[in-house]
Amino acid sequence: MLSQLDRQDEQVHPLAELPVAGRMAVRPRHWLAVAFSLLVAFETFHQFEHTLEVVQLKLMGAHHAFTLFGAHVNTEWAHFIANTTVLVWIGFVLVGAGPAVRRSWRAGQPLGWHALLAALAVQSYHVVEHTVRLVQHLTPGGGRLGILTRVFDPAWVHFSFNLVVLTGLVVAFAGLEVAKSLTGRLTGARPGSG
């Protein structure tokens, strides 16, 4: 009788390739690993923008932060669109994974699974915060207070939101072994052959 660990080693990774007619064929889920990778890259850049903002406002004493895009776009719209995009992207990864992969993640990689759900929860509230800020921005005389930013410093609140979401995504990426799918695809290695 095989131990649980042995059975896990024999299972094909849910995001891996499968051999078809003597060659490696990409499972429909390979795009999911690519989408997840791009999500982590996008959120890393987003966090970099918020890090620049905090450095400029809090460490350098600037009255207005001019991040890479901040000087060229309306920041309320840019943040609303960026954060809504991240939320939709997380949902896309979860829905795109399909029920079998989600069950596999829940059962086999609980840390990664819970980190992804935590990122989804925090990002959901983050979008609510930016929705309120956008409505206030579009309302004459409405100000831009948001919800939590009525009490806490806006730069630190949004830096913290993005840091928590990015951390959740990175932990999920590692915990759900997404990189194994990408590595196998790029090297042509067969799942379980390593």
N, C-alpha and C. Protein backbone atom coordinates (compact mmCIF):
# COMPACT_ATOMS: atom_id res chain seq x y z
N MET A 1 0.85 -1.19 0.00
CA MET A 1 0.00 0.00 0.00
C MET A 1 0.89 1.25 0.00
N LEU A 2 0.58 2.18 -0.87
CA LEU A 2 1.37 3.39 -0.99
C LEU A 2 1.01 4.38 0.10
N SER A 3 2.02 5.07 0.59
CA SER A 3 1.74 6.13 1.55
C SER A 3 1.14 7.33 0.82
N GLN A 4 0.59 8.25 1.58
CA GLN A 4 0.01 9.46 0.99
C GLN A 4 1.05 10.21 0.17
N LEU A 5 2.28 10.29 0.67
CA LEU A 5 3.34 11.01 -0.03
C LEU A 5 3.65 10.34 -1.36
N ASP A 6 3.72 9.00 -1.37
CA ASP A 6 3.97 8.28 -2.62
C ASP A 6 2.87 8.53 -3.63
N ARG A 7 1.63 8.52 -3.17
CA ARG A 7 0.51 8.77 -4.09
C ARG A 7 0.57 10.19 -4.64
N GLN A 8 0.98 11.13 -3.79
CA GLN A 8 1.09 12.51 -4.27
C GLN A 8 2.16 12.61 -5.35
N ASP A 9 3.29 11.91 -5.16
CA ASP A 9 4.36 11.96 -6.15
C ASP A 9 3.93 11.38 -7.48
N GLU A 10 3.02 10.41 -7.46
CA GLU A 10 2.57 9.78 -8.69
C GLU A 10 1.53 10.61 -9.44
N GLN A 11 0.91 11.54 -8.73
CA GLN A 11 -0.12 12.35 -9.37
C GLN A 11 0.51 13.34 -10.35
N VAL A 12 -0.18 13.59 -11.42
CA VAL A 12 0.26 14.61 -12.37
C VAL A 12 -0.13 15.96 -11.79
N HIS A 13 0.81 16.88 -11.82
CA HIS A 13 0.52 18.21 -11.30
C HIS A 13 -0.64 18.80 -12.10
N PRO A 14 -1.61 19.43 -11.42
CA PRO A 14 -2.80 19.92 -12.12
C PRO A 14 -2.53 20.93 -13.22
N LEU A 15 -1.40 21.61 -13.18
CA LEU A 15 -1.10 22.60 -14.21
C LEU A 15 -0.07 22.09 -15.22
N ALA A 16 0.29 20.81 -15.12
CA ALA A 16 1.37 20.28 -15.94
C ALA A 16 0.90 19.86 -17.33
N GLU A 17 1.87 19.46 -18.14
CA GLU A 17 1.59 18.98 -19.49
C GLU A 17 1.29 17.49 -19.44
N LEU A 18 0.66 17.00 -20.45
CA LEU A 18 0.40 15.58 -20.59
C LEU A 18 0.96 15.11 -21.92
N PRO A 19 1.54 13.90 -21.95
CA PRO A 19 2.03 13.39 -23.23
C PRO A 19 0.86 13.00 -24.13
N VAL A 20 0.93 13.40 -25.39
CA VAL A 20 -0.11 13.05 -26.35
C VAL A 20 0.59 12.60 -27.63
N ALA A 21 0.30 11.38 -28.06
CA ALA A 21 0.84 10.84 -29.32
C ALA A 21 2.35 11.03 -29.43
N GLY A 22 3.07 10.69 -28.36
CA GLY A 22 4.52 10.73 -28.39
C GLY A 22 5.15 12.10 -28.28
N ARG A 23 4.38 13.12 -28.06
CA ARG A 23 4.95 14.46 -27.88
C ARG A 23 4.26 15.12 -26.69
N MET A 24 4.85 16.18 -26.22
CA MET A 24 4.26 16.88 -25.09
C MET A 24 3.22 17.87 -25.61
N ALA A 25 2.04 17.76 -25.10
CA ALA A 25 0.98 18.69 -25.48
C ALA A 25 0.63 19.54 -24.27
N VAL A 26 0.35 20.78 -24.50
CA VAL A 26 0.00 21.66 -23.41
C VAL A 26 -1.43 21.38 -22.99
N ARG A 27 -1.60 21.11 -21.72
CA ARG A 27 -2.95 20.98 -21.22
C ARG A 27 -3.61 22.34 -21.31
N PRO A 28 -4.90 22.38 -21.38
CA PRO A 28 -5.57 23.67 -21.42
C PRO A 28 -5.20 24.56 -20.25
N ARG A 29 -4.68 24.00 -19.18
CA ARG A 29 -4.38 24.78 -17.99
C ARG A 29 -3.00 25.44 -18.03
N HIS A 30 -2.19 25.18 -19.04
CA HIS A 30 -0.88 25.84 -19.09
C HIS A 30 -1.05 27.36 -19.14
N TRP A 31 -2.05 27.81 -19.85
CA TRP A 31 -2.32 29.25 -19.92
C TRP A 31 -2.58 29.81 -18.53
N LEU A 32 -3.12 28.95 -17.64
CA LEU A 32 -3.40 29.39 -16.27
C LEU A 32 -2.10 29.72 -15.54
N ALA A 33 -1.09 28.89 -15.72
CA ALA A 33 0.21 29.16 -15.09
C ALA A 33 0.81 30.46 -15.63
N VAL A 34 0.66 30.68 -16.92
CA VAL A 34 1.15 31.92 -17.53
C VAL A 34 0.36 33.12 -16.99
N ALA A 35 -0.95 32.99 -16.93
CA ALA A 35 -1.80 34.07 -16.40
C ALA A 35 -1.44 34.38 -14.95
N PHE A 36 -1.22 33.34 -14.16
CA PHE A 36 -0.85 33.54 -12.76
C PHE A 36 0.50 34.24 -12.67
N SER A 37 1.44 33.84 -13.50
CA SER A 37 2.77 34.48 -13.51
C SER A 37 2.67 35.95 -13.87
N LEU A 38 1.87 36.27 -14.87
CA LEU A 38 1.68 37.66 -15.27
C LEU A 38 0.99 38.47 -14.18
N LEU A 39 0.06 37.84 -13.47
CA LEU A 39 -0.61 38.50 -12.35
C LEU A 39 0.40 38.88 -11.27
N VAL A 40 1.27 37.94 -10.91
CA VAL A 40 2.30 38.22 -9.90
C VAL A 40 3.23 39.34 -10.39
N ALA A 41 3.60 39.30 -11.65
CA ALA A 41 4.47 40.35 -12.21
C ALA A 41 3.77 41.72 -12.17
N PHE A 42 2.51 41.76 -12.57
CA PHE A 42 1.75 43.01 -12.57
C PHE A 42 1.64 43.57 -11.15
N GLU A 43 1.31 42.71 -10.19
CA GLU A 43 1.14 43.18 -8.81
C GLU A 43 2.49 43.58 -8.21
N THR A 44 3.57 42.95 -8.64
CA THR A 44 4.91 43.36 -8.19
C THR A 44 5.20 44.78 -8.67
N PHE A 45 4.90 45.06 -9.93
CA PHE A 45 5.09 46.41 -10.45
C PHE A 45 4.19 47.40 -9.70
N HIS A 46 2.95 47.01 -9.44
CA HIS A 46 2.01 47.86 -8.72
C HIS A 46 2.57 48.18 -7.32
N GLN A 47 3.13 47.17 -6.65
CA GLN A 47 3.71 47.40 -5.33
C GLN A 47 4.92 48.33 -5.43
N PHE A 48 5.70 48.18 -6.49
CA PHE A 48 6.84 49.07 -6.70
C PHE A 48 6.37 50.52 -6.81
N GLU A 49 5.27 50.75 -7.52
CA GLU A 49 4.70 52.10 -7.63
C GLU A 49 4.33 52.65 -6.24
N HIS A 50 3.70 51.80 -5.41
CA HIS A 50 3.32 52.26 -4.07
C HIS A 50 4.54 52.46 -3.18
N THR A 51 5.58 51.69 -3.39
CA THR A 51 6.82 51.89 -2.64
C THR A 51 7.43 53.23 -3.01
N LEU A 52 7.46 53.56 -4.30
CA LEU A 52 7.95 54.87 -4.73
C LEU A 52 7.12 55.99 -4.10
N GLU A 53 5.82 55.80 -4.05
CA GLU A 53 4.93 56.81 -3.47
C GLU A 53 5.27 57.04 -2.00
N VAL A 54 5.42 55.96 -1.23
CA VAL A 54 5.73 56.09 0.19
C VAL A 54 7.10 56.74 0.39
N VAL A 55 8.07 56.35 -0.40
CA VAL A 55 9.41 56.95 -0.29
C VAL A 55 9.33 58.44 -0.56
N GLN A 56 8.63 58.84 -1.61
CA GLN A 56 8.55 60.25 -1.96
C GLN A 56 7.79 61.05 -0.90
N LEU A 57 6.64 60.54 -0.47
CA LEU A 57 5.81 61.29 0.47
C LEU A 57 6.33 61.26 1.90
N LYS A 58 6.77 60.10 2.36
CA LYS A 58 7.11 59.95 3.77
C LYS A 58 8.59 60.13 4.07
N LEU A 59 9.45 59.69 3.19
CA LEU A 59 10.88 59.80 3.46
C LEU A 59 11.50 61.07 2.88
N MET A 60 10.99 61.50 1.72
CA MET A 60 11.56 62.67 1.06
C MET A 60 10.75 63.94 1.34
N GLY A 61 9.58 63.80 1.95
CA GLY A 61 8.77 64.96 2.32
C GLY A 61 8.05 65.65 1.18
N ALA A 62 7.89 64.98 0.06
CA ALA A 62 7.18 65.58 -1.08
C ALA A 62 5.70 65.75 -0.73
N HIS A 63 5.07 66.76 -1.31
CA HIS A 63 3.64 66.99 -1.09
C HIS A 63 2.78 66.16 -2.03
N HIS A 64 3.37 65.76 -3.15
CA HIS A 64 2.66 64.93 -4.13
C HIS A 64 3.66 63.93 -4.70
N ALA A 65 3.25 62.68 -4.80
CA ALA A 65 4.14 61.65 -5.33
C ALA A 65 4.04 61.59 -6.85
N PHE A 66 5.17 61.53 -7.48
CA PHE A 66 5.23 61.36 -8.93
C PHE A 66 5.89 60.02 -9.22
N THR A 67 5.08 58.98 -9.23
CA THR A 67 5.60 57.65 -9.52
C THR A 67 5.77 57.51 -11.03
N LEU A 68 6.09 56.31 -11.49
CA LEU A 68 6.34 56.12 -12.92
C LEU A 68 5.16 56.54 -13.78
N PHE A 69 3.94 56.20 -13.34
CA PHE A 69 2.76 56.57 -14.11
C PHE A 69 1.99 57.72 -13.49
N GLY A 70 2.20 57.97 -12.20
CA GLY A 70 1.42 58.96 -11.47
C GLY A 70 1.45 60.36 -12.05
N ALA A 71 2.54 60.73 -12.67
CA ALA A 71 2.65 62.07 -13.24
C ALA A 71 1.91 62.19 -14.56
N HIS A 72 1.51 61.07 -15.15
CA HIS A 72 0.94 61.09 -16.49
C HIS A 72 -0.53 60.71 -16.56
N VAL A 73 -1.10 60.23 -15.47
CA VAL A 73 -2.49 59.77 -15.50
C VAL A 73 -3.23 60.28 -14.27
N ASN A 74 -4.55 60.26 -14.36
CA ASN A 74 -5.39 60.57 -13.21
C ASN A 74 -5.25 59.40 -12.23
N THR A 75 -4.70 59.67 -11.06
CA THR A 75 -4.36 58.57 -10.15
C THR A 75 -5.59 57.82 -9.63
N GLU A 76 -6.72 58.51 -9.44
CA GLU A 76 -7.91 57.78 -8.96
C GLU A 76 -8.38 56.77 -9.99
N TRP A 77 -8.46 57.19 -11.25
CA TRP A 77 -8.87 56.26 -12.30
C TRP A 77 -7.83 55.15 -12.46
N ALA A 78 -6.56 55.52 -12.45
CA ALA A 78 -5.49 54.52 -12.64
C ALA A 78 -5.53 53.47 -11.54
N HIS A 79 -5.69 53.91 -10.29
CA HIS A 79 -5.73 52.94 -9.19
C HIS A 79 -7.01 52.11 -9.22
N PHE A 80 -8.12 52.72 -9.56
CA PHE A 80 -9.36 51.95 -9.67
C PHE A 80 -9.23 50.87 -10.74
N ILE A 81 -8.72 51.26 -11.91
CA ILE A 81 -8.57 50.29 -13.01
C ILE A 81 -7.54 49.22 -12.66
N ALA A 82 -6.40 49.61 -12.10
CA ALA A 82 -5.36 48.64 -11.75
C ALA A 82 -5.86 47.64 -10.72
N ASN A 83 -6.52 48.14 -9.68
CA ASN A 83 -6.98 47.25 -8.61
C ASN A 83 -8.15 46.38 -9.05
N THR A 84 -9.03 46.92 -9.87
CA THR A 84 -10.12 46.10 -10.41
C THR A 84 -9.56 45.02 -11.33
N THR A 85 -8.54 45.38 -12.10
CA THR A 85 -7.88 44.40 -12.98
C THR A 85 -7.28 43.27 -12.17
N VAL A 86 -6.60 43.59 -11.07
CA VAL A 86 -6.00 42.55 -10.22
C VAL A 86 -7.09 41.66 -9.64
N LEU A 87 -8.19 42.25 -9.18
CA LEU A 87 -9.28 41.45 -8.63
C LEU A 87 -9.87 40.51 -9.68
N VAL A 88 -10.13 41.03 -10.86
CA VAL A 88 -10.68 40.20 -11.94
C VAL A 88 -9.68 39.11 -12.32
N TRP A 89 -8.41 39.46 -12.33
CA TRP A 89 -7.35 38.51 -12.69
C TRP A 89 -7.29 37.36 -11.68
N ILE A 90 -7.39 37.69 -10.38
CA ILE A 90 -7.41 36.63 -9.36
C ILE A 90 -8.63 35.74 -9.58
N GLY A 91 -9.78 36.36 -9.83
CA GLY A 91 -10.99 35.58 -10.11
C GLY A 91 -10.83 34.71 -11.34
N PHE A 92 -10.18 35.25 -12.36
CA PHE A 92 -9.92 34.52 -13.60
C PHE A 92 -9.07 33.28 -13.31
N VAL A 93 -8.04 33.43 -12.48
CA VAL A 93 -7.19 32.29 -12.11
C VAL A 93 -8.01 31.25 -11.36
N LEU A 94 -8.84 31.70 -10.42
CA LEU A 94 -9.65 30.75 -9.64
C LEU A 94 -10.68 30.04 -10.50
N VAL A 95 -11.40 30.78 -11.32
CA VAL A 95 -12.43 30.18 -12.17
C VAL A 95 -11.77 29.35 -13.27
N GLY A 96 -10.71 29.88 -13.86
CA GLY A 96 -10.02 29.18 -14.93
C GLY A 96 -9.39 27.87 -14.50
N ALA A 97 -9.07 27.77 -13.22
CA ALA A 97 -8.47 26.54 -12.72
C ALA A 97 -9.42 25.36 -12.85
N GLY A 98 -10.70 25.63 -12.77
CA GLY A 98 -11.68 24.56 -12.86
C GLY A 98 -11.83 23.82 -11.54
N PRO A 99 -12.94 23.10 -11.38
CA PRO A 99 -13.23 22.45 -10.10
C PRO A 99 -12.19 21.41 -9.70
N ALA A 100 -11.67 20.63 -10.64
CA ALA A 100 -10.72 19.58 -10.28
C ALA A 100 -9.42 20.17 -9.74
N VAL A 101 -8.93 21.22 -10.39
CA VAL A 101 -7.69 21.85 -9.92
C VAL A 101 -7.92 22.53 -8.58
N ARG A 102 -9.05 23.20 -8.42
CA ARG A 102 -9.34 23.85 -7.13
C ARG A 102 -9.41 22.81 -6.01
N ARG A 103 -10.03 21.66 -6.27
CA ARG A 103 -10.07 20.59 -5.26
C ARG A 103 -8.66 20.11 -4.95
N SER A 104 -7.85 19.96 -5.98
CA SER A 104 -6.46 19.53 -5.79
C SER A 104 -5.69 20.55 -4.96
N TRP A 105 -5.87 21.83 -5.25
CA TRP A 105 -5.20 22.88 -4.48
C TRP A 105 -5.65 22.86 -3.03
N ARG A 106 -6.96 22.77 -2.81
CA ARG A 106 -7.48 22.76 -1.43
C ARG A 106 -6.91 21.59 -0.64
N ALA A 107 -6.92 20.42 -1.25
CA ALA A 107 -6.51 19.21 -0.54
C ALA A 107 -4.99 19.07 -0.45
N GLY A 108 -4.30 19.37 -1.54
CA GLY A 108 -2.86 19.09 -1.60
C GLY A 108 -1.94 20.24 -1.27
N GLN A 109 -2.41 21.47 -1.43
CA GLN A 109 -1.57 22.64 -1.18
C GLN A 109 -2.36 23.68 -0.39
N PRO A 110 -2.73 23.35 0.86
CA PRO A 110 -3.60 24.26 1.62
C PRO A 110 -2.99 25.64 1.87
N LEU A 111 -1.68 25.72 2.07
CA LEU A 111 -1.08 27.04 2.30
C LEU A 111 -1.25 27.93 1.08
N GLY A 112 -0.92 27.40 -0.09
CA GLY A 112 -1.08 28.17 -1.32
C GLY A 112 -2.53 28.53 -1.58
N TRP A 113 -3.43 27.57 -1.34
CA TRP A 113 -4.86 27.79 -1.55
C TRP A 113 -5.37 28.91 -0.66
N HIS A 114 -5.04 28.85 0.65
CA HIS A 114 -5.52 29.87 1.58
C HIS A 114 -4.87 31.23 1.31
N ALA A 115 -3.62 31.22 0.87
CA ALA A 115 -2.97 32.49 0.52
C ALA A 115 -3.67 33.15 -0.67
N LEU A 116 -4.08 32.34 -1.65
CA LEU A 116 -4.80 32.88 -2.81
C LEU A 116 -6.16 33.43 -2.39
N LEU A 117 -6.86 32.72 -1.51
CA LEU A 117 -8.15 33.21 -1.03
C LEU A 117 -7.99 34.48 -0.20
N ALA A 118 -6.92 34.55 0.60
CA ALA A 118 -6.66 35.76 1.38
C ALA A 118 -6.38 36.94 0.45
N ALA A 119 -5.59 36.70 -0.59
CA ALA A 119 -5.32 37.77 -1.57
C ALA A 119 -6.62 38.23 -2.22
N LEU A 120 -7.50 37.28 -2.54
CA LEU A 120 -8.80 37.62 -3.13
C LEU A 120 -9.63 38.46 -2.17
N ALA A 121 -9.67 38.08 -0.90
CA ALA A 121 -10.47 38.82 0.09
C ALA A 121 -9.95 40.24 0.28
N VAL A 122 -8.65 40.38 0.46
CA VAL A 122 -8.06 41.71 0.68
C VAL A 122 -8.23 42.57 -0.57
N GLN A 123 -8.01 41.98 -1.74
CA GLN A 123 -8.15 42.74 -2.97
C GLN A 123 -9.61 43.15 -3.19
N SER A 124 -10.55 42.31 -2.79
CA SER A 124 -11.97 42.67 -2.91
C SER A 124 -12.27 43.93 -2.11
N TYR A 125 -11.77 43.97 -0.86
CA TYR A 125 -11.99 45.18 -0.07
C TYR A 125 -11.22 46.36 -0.67
N HIS A 126 -10.04 46.12 -1.17
CA HIS A 126 -9.24 47.18 -1.77
C HIS A 126 -10.00 47.84 -2.93
N VAL A 127 -10.69 47.04 -3.72
CA VAL A 127 -11.49 47.59 -4.83
C VAL A 127 -12.66 48.40 -4.28
N VAL A 128 -13.27 47.94 -3.19
CA VAL A 128 -14.34 48.73 -2.56
C VAL A 128 -13.79 50.09 -2.14
N GLU A 129 -12.62 50.09 -1.52
CA GLU A 129 -11.98 51.34 -1.09
C GLU A 129 -11.76 52.28 -2.29
N HIS A 130 -11.27 51.73 -3.39
CA HIS A 130 -11.02 52.57 -4.57
C HIS A 130 -12.31 52.97 -5.27
N THR A 131 -13.34 52.16 -5.18
CA THR A 131 -14.64 52.55 -5.74
C THR A 131 -15.18 53.76 -5.00
N VAL A 132 -15.09 53.73 -3.67
CA VAL A 132 -15.55 54.87 -2.86
C VAL A 132 -14.71 56.10 -3.20
N ARG A 133 -13.41 55.93 -3.29
CA ARG A 133 -12.55 57.08 -3.63
C ARG A 133 -12.88 57.65 -5.00
N LEU A 134 -13.16 56.78 -5.97
CA LEU A 134 -13.48 57.25 -7.31
C LEU A 134 -14.81 58.00 -7.32
N VAL A 135 -15.81 57.48 -6.62
CA VAL A 135 -17.11 58.17 -6.53
C VAL A 135 -16.91 59.54 -5.87
N GLN A 136 -16.11 59.58 -4.81
CA GLN A 136 -15.84 60.87 -4.16
C GLN A 136 -15.10 61.81 -5.10
N HIS A 137 -14.18 61.28 -5.86
CA HIS A 137 -13.41 62.08 -6.82
C HIS A 137 -14.32 62.67 -7.90
N LEU A 138 -15.31 61.90 -8.34
CA LEU A 138 -16.20 62.34 -9.41
C LEU A 138 -17.34 63.24 -8.90
N THR A 139 -17.55 63.25 -7.59
CA THR A 139 -18.59 64.08 -7.00
C THR A 139 -18.01 65.46 -6.69
N PRO A 140 -18.59 66.53 -7.23
CA PRO A 140 -18.07 67.87 -6.95
C PRO A 140 -18.04 68.14 -5.44
N GLY A 141 -16.88 68.51 -4.94
CA GLY A 141 -16.72 68.80 -3.53
C GLY A 141 -16.68 67.56 -2.66
N GLY A 142 -16.61 66.38 -3.27
CA GLY A 142 -16.66 65.13 -2.51
C GLY A 142 -15.36 64.76 -1.83
N GLY A 143 -14.26 65.36 -2.23
CA GLY A 143 -12.98 64.99 -1.63
C GLY A 143 -12.55 63.61 -2.08
N ARG A 144 -11.47 63.13 -1.46
CA ARG A 144 -10.96 61.79 -1.78
C ARG A 144 -10.55 61.11 -0.48
N LEU A 145 -11.50 60.85 0.36
CA LEU A 145 -11.17 60.29 1.66
C LEU A 145 -11.17 58.77 1.69
N GLY A 146 -11.98 58.14 0.88
CA GLY A 146 -12.08 56.69 0.95
C GLY A 146 -12.79 56.27 2.23
N ILE A 147 -12.50 55.08 2.71
CA ILE A 147 -13.11 54.56 3.93
C ILE A 147 -12.05 54.50 5.03
N LEU A 148 -11.10 53.57 4.90
CA LEU A 148 -10.04 53.45 5.91
C LEU A 148 -9.14 54.67 5.92
N THR A 149 -9.03 55.33 4.79
CA THR A 149 -8.13 56.48 4.71
C THR A 149 -8.71 57.72 5.37
N ARG A 150 -9.90 57.62 5.92
CA ARG A 150 -10.42 58.70 6.76
C ARG A 150 -9.71 58.69 8.11
N VAL A 151 -9.25 57.50 8.49
CA VAL A 151 -8.61 57.32 9.80
C VAL A 151 -7.10 57.17 9.67
N PHE A 152 -6.67 56.46 8.64
CA PHE A 152 -5.25 56.14 8.46
C PHE A 152 -4.68 56.87 7.25
N ASP A 153 -3.38 57.01 7.22
CA ASP A 153 -2.70 57.68 6.13
C ASP A 153 -2.91 56.92 4.81
N PRO A 154 -3.42 57.61 3.77
CA PRO A 154 -3.73 56.93 2.50
C PRO A 154 -2.54 56.22 1.87
N ALA A 155 -1.37 56.83 1.90
CA ALA A 155 -0.20 56.21 1.27
C ALA A 155 0.13 54.88 1.95
N TRP A 156 0.08 54.86 3.28
CA TRP A 156 0.39 53.63 4.01
C TRP A 156 -0.72 52.59 3.86
N VAL A 157 -1.97 53.03 3.82
CA VAL A 157 -3.08 52.08 3.65
C VAL A 157 -2.95 51.33 2.34
N HIS A 158 -2.74 52.06 1.25
CA HIS A 158 -2.69 51.40 -0.06
C HIS A 158 -1.38 50.65 -0.27
N PHE A 159 -0.30 51.13 0.31
CA PHE A 159 0.95 50.37 0.31
C PHE A 159 0.72 49.03 1.01
N SER A 160 0.06 49.08 2.16
CA SER A 160 -0.19 47.85 2.94
C SER A 160 -1.12 46.90 2.22
N PHE A 161 -2.22 47.42 1.64
CA PHE A 161 -3.12 46.57 0.85
C PHE A 161 -2.34 45.82 -0.23
N ASN A 162 -1.56 46.56 -1.00
CA ASN A 162 -0.82 45.94 -2.10
C ASN A 162 0.23 44.96 -1.61
N LEU A 163 0.88 45.28 -0.49
CA LEU A 163 1.88 44.37 0.05
C LEU A 163 1.24 43.06 0.50
N VAL A 164 0.10 43.14 1.16
CA VAL A 164 -0.60 41.93 1.61
C VAL A 164 -1.06 41.10 0.41
N VAL A 165 -1.63 41.76 -0.59
CA VAL A 165 -2.09 41.04 -1.79
C VAL A 165 -0.91 40.41 -2.51
N LEU A 166 0.17 41.17 -2.70
CA LEU A 166 1.34 40.62 -3.38
C LEU A 166 1.92 39.44 -2.60
N THR A 167 2.02 39.57 -1.29
CA THR A 167 2.52 38.46 -0.47
C THR A 167 1.64 37.23 -0.63
N GLY A 168 0.32 37.42 -0.59
CA GLY A 168 -0.59 36.30 -0.78
C GLY A 168 -0.41 35.64 -2.14
N LEU A 169 -0.24 36.45 -3.18
CA LEU A 169 -0.06 35.90 -4.52
C LEU A 169 1.27 35.15 -4.65
N VAL A 170 2.33 35.68 -4.06
CA VAL A 170 3.63 35.01 -4.13
C VAL A 170 3.59 33.69 -3.35
N VAL A 171 2.99 33.71 -2.16
CA VAL A 171 2.86 32.48 -1.38
C VAL A 171 2.00 31.47 -2.13
N ALA A 172 0.92 31.93 -2.74
CA ALA A 172 0.06 31.04 -3.53
C ALA A 172 0.82 30.49 -4.73
N PHE A 173 1.56 31.34 -5.41
CA PHE A 173 2.33 30.92 -6.59
C PHE A 173 3.30 29.81 -6.20
N ALA A 174 4.00 30.01 -5.08
CA ALA A 174 4.96 28.99 -4.61
C ALA A 174 4.24 27.77 -4.06
N GLY A 175 3.24 28.01 -3.22
CA GLY A 175 2.53 26.91 -2.56
C GLY A 175 1.73 26.05 -3.51
N LEU A 176 1.22 26.63 -4.58
CA LEU A 176 0.44 25.87 -5.56
C LEU A 176 1.33 25.30 -6.66
N GLU A 177 2.63 25.53 -6.52
CA GLU A 177 3.64 24.96 -7.42
C GLU A 177 3.41 25.34 -8.89
N VAL A 178 3.01 26.59 -9.10
CA VAL A 178 2.76 27.07 -10.45
C VAL A 178 4.04 27.06 -11.28
N ALA A 179 5.16 27.38 -10.64
CA ALA A 179 6.43 27.43 -11.37
C ALA A 179 6.80 26.07 -11.96
N LYS A 180 6.39 24.98 -11.31
CA LYS A 180 6.68 23.65 -11.85
C LYS A 180 6.05 23.47 -13.23
N SER A 181 4.87 23.98 -13.39
CA SER A 181 4.20 23.88 -14.68
C SER A 181 4.95 24.68 -15.73
N LEU A 182 5.38 25.87 -15.37
CA LEU A 182 6.11 26.70 -16.33
C LEU A 182 7.46 26.10 -16.66
N THR A 183 8.16 25.61 -15.66
CA THR A 183 9.48 25.02 -15.88
C THR A 183 9.36 23.79 -16.76
N GLY A 184 8.38 22.94 -16.48
CA GLY A 184 8.18 21.74 -17.30
C GLY A 184 7.87 22.10 -18.73
N ARG A 185 7.08 23.13 -18.94
CA ARG A 185 6.70 23.57 -20.29
C ARG A 185 7.91 24.13 -21.03
N LEU A 186 8.71 24.92 -20.33
CA LEU A 186 9.83 25.56 -20.99
C LEU A 186 10.95 24.57 -21.31
N THR A 187 11.15 23.57 -20.44
CA THR A 187 12.24 22.63 -20.66
C THR A 187 11.80 21.40 -21.43
N GLY A 188 10.49 21.20 -21.55
CA GLY A 188 9.98 20.02 -22.23
C GLY A 188 9.99 18.80 -21.33
N ALA A 189 10.26 19.00 -20.03
CA ALA A 189 10.28 17.88 -19.09
C ALA A 189 8.88 17.34 -18.89
N ARG A 190 8.81 16.08 -18.63
CA ARG A 190 7.52 15.46 -18.38
C ARG A 190 7.22 15.57 -16.90
N PRO A 191 5.95 15.74 -16.52
CA PRO A 191 5.58 15.80 -15.12
C PRO A 191 6.02 14.53 -14.41
N GLY A 192 6.55 14.71 -13.22
CA GLY A 192 6.95 13.56 -12.43
C GLY A 192 8.27 12.96 -12.86
N SER A 193 8.95 13.55 -13.85
CA SER A 193 10.20 12.97 -14.34
C SER A 193 11.41 13.61 -13.67
N GLY A 194 11.17 14.50 -12.69
CA GLY A 194 12.29 15.21 -12.16
C GLY A 194 12.71 14.78 -10.85
